[in-house]
Amino acid sequence: MESKYNTFIRKVHQFNGTYCRDLPSVEQSRLFTEGLIAALFPMKRNCVGDEQSTAMELERCGVKLREILYAIKNAMKSSPDEICQAFFEELPAVFDQLVADAEAIGRYDPAASCVEEVILSYPGFFSITVYRLAHILYQLKVPFLPRIMSEYAHERTGIDIHPGARIASPFYMDHGTGIVIGESTVIGKEVRIFQGVTLGALTVEKSMAKSKRHPTIEDHVVIYAGSTILGGQTVIGHHSVVGGNTWITESILPYSVVYRNHRVQVKDRKDFETPIDFVI
């Protein structure tokens, strides 16, 4: 008679035999991500080098990318070599965007002493860097890898940006923790977002997977901490300011100011009686 543990082992094997198709290595995908960022910004390794060393590092990244893509070649319409070539053709434009992102953070954040500090230490910049790299692969219809990259950034920073989102440059996230940006979100230029902001869908249904579920944020919008903006038809007009802890499911005209109207009361503690809704 088969033991419960042997039954469990068999179930594990059967499950993985059913679902484990040709898959990329998560570890190799993370190493590729880190290696590419270091090649673009060698200051992260405290080594600037010269043009030849930069070219060599990027070539190494190309080798790593091909290795990852060959593992999933049967799931792609284009060959690994074609995907790799297309990826590196898009990289110069993405680098320009990242430089603009870093300079925008240095320009807007009074706590940023220099652009180098932004590149070395800011979680918002790390997250947007990984997003922009993963977005190239998403547009090239590479399976698995873009999400692995974006979830690596999510794990590192607490910022969750789907690689399918369309985010113009420059883009600035202050603090960043808890920011969620959904797959069909569209964000314009010079947008600033603070911690805890959600750009999400009104409903989460599988049937809406291919539809525009997430909002559009036009140019020069500022969204303060804790705000939630939902819906694929929701548009935040350009040059608007969205105050903290607001809940928005309808479009806002350009040059609007959205805020939550609430009162904060201060009393002497010795005269304060605990409200019933504080009781657990």
Protein backbone atom coordinates (compact mmCIF):
# COMPACT_ATOMS: atom_id res chain seq x y z
CA MET A 1 0.00 0.00 0.00
CA GLU A 2 1.40 3.39 -1.02
CA SER A 3 2.26 5.69 1.88
CA LYS A 4 0.79 9.21 2.13
CA TYR A 5 4.24 10.69 1.58
CA ASN A 6 4.83 8.66 -1.59
CA THR A 7 1.40 9.75 -2.83
CA PHE A 8 2.40 13.35 -2.18
CA ILE A 9 5.66 12.89 -4.12
CA ARG A 10 3.73 11.45 -7.06
CA LYS A 11 1.30 14.40 -7.05
CA VAL A 12 4.19 16.87 -7.07
CA HIS A 13 5.75 15.07 -10.03
CA GLN A 14 2.45 14.89 -11.93
CA PHE A 15 1.69 18.56 -11.37
CA ASN A 16 5.09 19.73 -12.55
CA GLY A 17 4.99 17.30 -15.47
CA THR A 18 1.70 18.89 -16.55
CA TYR A 19 2.60 22.58 -16.15
CA CYS A 20 6.37 22.77 -16.58
CA ARG A 21 6.78 23.66 -20.23
CA ASP A 22 9.95 25.22 -21.58
CA LEU A 23 10.56 27.90 -18.96
CA PRO A 24 13.27 30.50 -18.34
CA SER A 25 15.49 30.29 -15.29
CA VAL A 26 14.31 32.77 -12.68
CA GLU A 27 17.84 33.07 -11.30
CA GLN A 28 19.36 33.68 -14.73
CA SER A 29 16.64 36.23 -15.50
CA ARG A 30 17.50 38.17 -12.35
CA LEU A 31 21.23 38.03 -13.10
CA PHE A 32 20.55 39.29 -16.62
CA THR A 33 18.52 42.18 -15.21
CA GLU A 34 21.19 43.20 -12.71
CA GLY A 35 23.96 42.77 -15.27
CA LEU A 36 22.22 44.93 -17.84
CA ILE A 37 21.55 47.71 -15.34
CA ALA A 38 25.20 47.62 -14.26
CA ALA A 39 26.29 47.78 -17.92
CA LEU A 40 24.13 50.86 -18.48
CA PHE A 41 25.15 52.46 -15.19
CA PRO A 42 28.61 51.05 -14.25
CA MET A 43 28.78 53.47 -11.32
CA LYS A 44 26.65 50.88 -9.51
CA ARG A 45 29.79 48.73 -9.51
CA ASN A 46 32.02 51.71 -8.73
CA CYS A 47 33.64 51.34 -12.13
CA VAL A 48 33.05 53.65 -15.08
CA GLY A 49 35.61 52.12 -17.45
CA ASP A 50 35.81 53.11 -21.12
CA GLU A 51 33.71 52.61 -24.25
CA GLN A 52 35.33 49.25 -24.98
CA SER A 53 34.49 47.88 -21.53
CA THR A 54 30.91 49.11 -21.87
CA ALA A 55 30.62 47.35 -25.23
CA MET A 56 31.99 44.14 -23.71
CA GLU A 57 29.55 44.25 -20.80
CA LEU A 58 26.61 44.77 -23.15
CA GLU A 59 27.83 41.88 -25.30
CA ARG A 60 27.87 39.66 -22.19
CA CYS A 61 24.32 40.74 -21.48
CA GLY A 62 23.38 39.77 -25.02
CA VAL A 63 24.82 36.30 -24.48
CA LYS A 64 22.83 35.91 -21.25
CA LEU A 65 19.65 37.07 -22.95
CA ARG A 66 20.08 34.58 -25.79
CA GLU A 67 20.59 31.76 -23.28
CA ILE A 68 17.35 32.68 -21.53
CA LEU A 69 15.44 33.01 -24.79
CA TYR A 70 16.67 29.70 -26.19
CA ALA A 71 15.06 27.97 -23.21
CA ILE A 72 11.66 29.32 -24.31
CA LYS A 73 12.18 29.43 -28.10
CA ASN A 74 9.23 27.09 -28.72
CA ALA A 75 6.90 29.62 -27.06
CA MET A 76 8.04 32.53 -29.25
CA LYS A 77 7.08 33.48 -32.80
CA SER A 78 10.51 35.00 -33.50
CA SER A 79 13.88 33.38 -33.00
CA PRO A 80 16.05 34.18 -29.94
CA ASP A 81 18.59 35.93 -32.19
CA GLU A 82 15.89 38.12 -33.77
CA ILE A 83 14.47 39.02 -30.35
CA CYS A 84 17.90 39.81 -28.97
CA GLN A 85 18.75 42.03 -31.93
CA ALA A 86 15.44 43.89 -31.66
CA PHE A 87 15.93 44.34 -27.91
CA PHE A 88 19.35 45.96 -28.28
CA GLU A 89 18.10 48.17 -31.10
CA GLU A 90 15.55 49.64 -28.66
CA LEU A 91 18.06 50.00 -25.83
CA PRO A 92 19.56 53.42 -26.84
CA ALA A 93 16.15 55.12 -26.72
CA VAL A 94 15.38 53.50 -23.37
CA PHE A 95 18.72 54.66 -21.97
CA ASP A 96 17.85 58.24 -22.95
CA GLN A 97 14.53 57.85 -21.12
CA LEU A 98 16.27 56.56 -18.00
CA VAL A 99 18.71 59.46 -17.98
CA ALA A 100 15.73 61.83 -18.19
CA ASP A 101 14.02 59.92 -15.35
CA ALA A 102 17.10 60.18 -13.12
CA GLU A 103 17.53 63.88 -13.85
CA ALA A 104 13.83 64.51 -13.12
CA ILE A 105 14.16 62.87 -9.70
CA GLY A 106 17.21 65.02 -8.99
CA ARG A 107 15.27 68.07 -10.12
CA TYR A 108 12.07 67.46 -8.15
CA ASP A 109 13.24 65.73 -4.97
CA PRO A 110 14.78 68.16 -2.44
CA ALA A 111 16.34 65.17 -0.66
CA ALA A 112 18.35 64.13 -3.74
CA SER A 113 21.83 65.59 -3.56
CA CYS A 114 22.88 64.51 -7.07
CA VAL A 115 21.94 62.27 -9.98
CA GLU A 116 24.53 59.69 -8.89
CA GLU A 117 22.68 59.25 -5.58
CA VAL A 118 19.45 58.65 -7.48
CA ILE A 119 20.98 55.95 -9.66
CA LEU A 120 22.78 54.23 -6.79
CA SER A 121 20.08 54.21 -4.15
CA TYR A 122 16.60 55.31 -5.18
CA PRO A 123 14.08 52.42 -5.31
CA GLY A 124 11.84 54.41 -7.65
CA PHE A 125 14.64 54.71 -10.19
CA PHE A 126 15.55 51.03 -9.91
CA SER A 127 11.92 50.06 -10.44
CA ILE A 128 11.40 52.31 -13.46
CA THR A 129 14.69 51.03 -14.93
CA VAL A 130 13.57 47.41 -14.70
CA TYR A 131 10.14 48.36 -16.06
CA ARG A 132 11.58 50.08 -19.13
CA LEU A 133 13.82 47.09 -19.91
CA ALA A 134 11.01 44.59 -19.34
CA HIS A 135 8.62 46.70 -21.43
CA ILE A 136 10.82 46.21 -24.51
CA LEU A 137 10.54 42.44 -24.10
CA TYR A 138 6.79 42.72 -23.44
CA GLN A 139 6.34 44.61 -26.72
CA LEU A 140 8.39 41.92 -28.48
CA LYS A 141 5.88 39.37 -27.07
CA VAL A 142 8.49 37.45 -25.10
CA PRO A 143 6.69 35.17 -22.62
CA PHE A 144 7.52 34.87 -18.92
CA LEU A 145 10.70 36.98 -18.85
CA PRO A 146 9.12 40.48 -18.64
CA ARG A 147 6.99 39.44 -15.64
CA ILE A 148 9.92 37.73 -13.93
CA MET A 149 11.90 40.96 -14.27
CA SER A 150 9.09 43.21 -13.05
CA GLU A 151 8.34 40.95 -10.08
CA TYR A 152 12.03 41.01 -9.18
CA ALA A 153 11.80 44.81 -8.97
CA HIS A 154 8.56 44.46 -7.00
CA GLU A 155 10.30 42.17 -4.52
CA ARG A 156 13.25 44.55 -4.19
CA THR A 157 11.33 47.83 -3.89
CA GLY A 158 7.67 47.22 -3.02
CA ILE A 159 6.75 48.93 -6.32
CA ASP A 160 4.56 46.87 -8.66
CA ILE A 161 4.67 48.02 -12.30
CA HIS A 162 3.28 45.68 -14.93
CA PRO A 163 5.64 45.56 -17.95
CA GLY A 164 2.70 46.20 -20.26
CA ALA A 165 2.02 49.69 -18.88
CA ARG A 166 2.93 52.63 -21.14
CA ILE A 167 4.96 55.20 -19.22
CA ALA A 168 6.46 58.25 -20.90
CA SER A 169 9.65 59.95 -19.75
CA PRO A 170 10.53 61.66 -17.52
CA PHE A 171 8.64 59.86 -14.78
CA TYR A 172 9.17 60.29 -11.05
CA MET A 173 8.11 58.13 -8.10
CA ASP A 174 8.85 59.60 -4.66
CA HIS A 175 9.56 56.97 -1.97
CA GLY A 176 7.64 54.49 -4.10
CA THR A 177 6.64 51.86 -1.55
CA GLY A 178 3.21 50.41 -2.29
CA ILE A 179 2.77 51.92 -5.77
CA VAL A 180 0.76 49.66 -8.12
CA ILE A 181 0.54 50.39 -11.86
CA GLY A 182 -1.64 48.03 -13.90
CA GLU A 183 -1.01 46.50 -17.30
CA SER A 184 -3.04 48.88 -19.49
CA THR A 185 -2.17 52.07 -17.60
CA VAL A 186 -0.99 54.98 -19.77
CA ILE A 187 1.15 57.68 -18.12
CA GLY A 188 2.26 60.87 -19.84
CA LYS A 189 5.37 63.02 -19.45
CA GLU A 190 6.49 64.79 -16.27
CA VAL A 191 4.14 62.78 -14.06
CA ARG A 192 4.99 62.54 -10.34
CA ILE A 193 3.57 59.79 -8.12
CA PHE A 194 4.03 59.35 -4.39
CA GLN A 195 3.95 56.23 -2.22
CA GLY A 196 0.85 54.06 -1.89
CA VAL A 197 -0.77 55.13 -5.18
CA THR A 198 -2.83 52.54 -7.08
CA LEU A 199 -3.60 52.85 -10.78
CA GLY A 200 -5.89 49.88 -11.13
CA ALA A 201 -9.00 48.30 -12.63
CA LEU A 202 -12.58 48.77 -11.47
CA THR A 203 -13.27 45.05 -11.76
CA VAL A 204 -10.97 42.06 -11.87
CA GLU A 205 -12.48 39.63 -14.36
CA LYS A 206 -10.62 37.27 -16.68
CA SER A 207 -12.92 38.18 -19.55
CA MET A 208 -11.47 41.73 -19.48
CA ALA A 209 -7.86 40.56 -19.85
CA LYS A 210 -7.36 42.13 -23.29
CA SER A 211 -9.32 45.34 -22.63
CA LYS A 212 -8.25 48.78 -21.37
CA ARG A 213 -8.82 48.25 -17.64
CA HIS A 214 -6.52 50.83 -16.09
CA PRO A 215 -6.55 54.64 -16.11
CA THR A 216 -4.80 57.19 -18.29
CA ILE A 217 -2.71 59.88 -16.58
CA GLU A 218 -1.94 62.81 -18.86
CA ASP A 219 1.17 65.02 -18.83
CA HIS A 220 2.32 67.03 -15.79
CA VAL A 221 0.03 65.36 -13.25
CA VAL A 222 0.96 65.02 -9.56
CA ILE A 223 -0.65 62.20 -7.55
CA TYR A 224 -0.06 62.33 -3.81
CA ALA A 225 0.29 59.45 -1.35
CA GLY A 226 -2.44 56.87 -0.85
CA SER A 227 -4.60 57.84 -3.82
CA THR A 228 -6.51 55.23 -5.81
CA ILE A 229 -7.48 55.80 -9.46
CA LEU A 230 -9.48 53.04 -11.15
CA GLY A 231 -10.99 52.22 -14.53
CA GLY A 232 -9.94 52.02 -18.15
CA GLN A 233 -12.12 54.97 -19.14
CA THR A 234 -10.82 57.17 -16.32
CA VAL A 235 -8.58 59.99 -17.57
CA ILE A 236 -6.76 62.41 -15.27
CA GLY A 237 -6.38 65.59 -17.30
CA HIS A 238 -2.99 67.20 -17.79
CA HIS A 239 -1.57 69.58 -15.17
CA SER A 240 -3.95 68.25 -12.50
CA VAL A 241 -3.09 67.64 -8.84
CA VAL A 242 -4.64 64.65 -7.06
CA GLY A 243 -4.52 65.00 -3.29
CA GLY A 244 -3.66 62.24 -0.85
CA ASN A 245 -6.07 59.42 0.04
CA THR A 246 -8.53 60.20 -2.75
CA TRP A 247 -10.65 57.60 -4.53
CA ILE A 248 -11.30 58.35 -8.22
CA THR A 249 -13.35 56.31 -10.71
CA GLU A 250 -14.36 59.11 -13.11
CA SER A 251 -12.36 61.35 -15.44
CA ILE A 252 -10.94 64.65 -14.21
CA LEU A 253 -10.60 67.71 -16.44
CA PRO A 254 -7.18 69.26 -17.10
CA TYR A 255 -5.87 71.77 -14.51
CA SER A 256 -8.06 70.26 -11.77
CA VAL A 257 -7.26 69.95 -8.09
CA VAL A 258 -8.78 66.88 -6.43
CA TYR A 259 -8.76 66.62 -2.65
CA ARG A 260 -10.51 64.81 0.15
CA ASN A 261 -12.44 67.17 2.44
CA HIS A 262 -12.05 65.95 6.02
CA ARG A 263 -11.48 67.45 9.46
CA VAL A 264 -8.76 66.63 11.93
CA GLN A 265 -9.69 67.39 15.54
CA VAL A 266 -7.21 67.86 18.38
CA LYS A 267 -8.34 67.47 22.01
CA ASP A 268 -6.67 67.31 25.38
CA ARG A 269 -5.98 63.63 25.99
CA LYS A 270 -7.23 63.65 29.60
CA ASP A 271 -10.69 64.74 28.38
CA PHE A 272 -10.81 62.28 25.48
CA GLU A 273 -13.36 59.48 25.62
CA THR A 274 -12.62 56.49 23.40
CA PRO A 275 -15.16 56.27 20.53
CA ILE A 276 -17.03 53.00 20.21
CA ASP A 277 -15.47 52.28 16.80
CA PHE A 278 -12.06 52.09 18.46
CA VAL A 279 -13.16 49.08 20.53
CA ILE A 280 -12.00 45.70 19.19
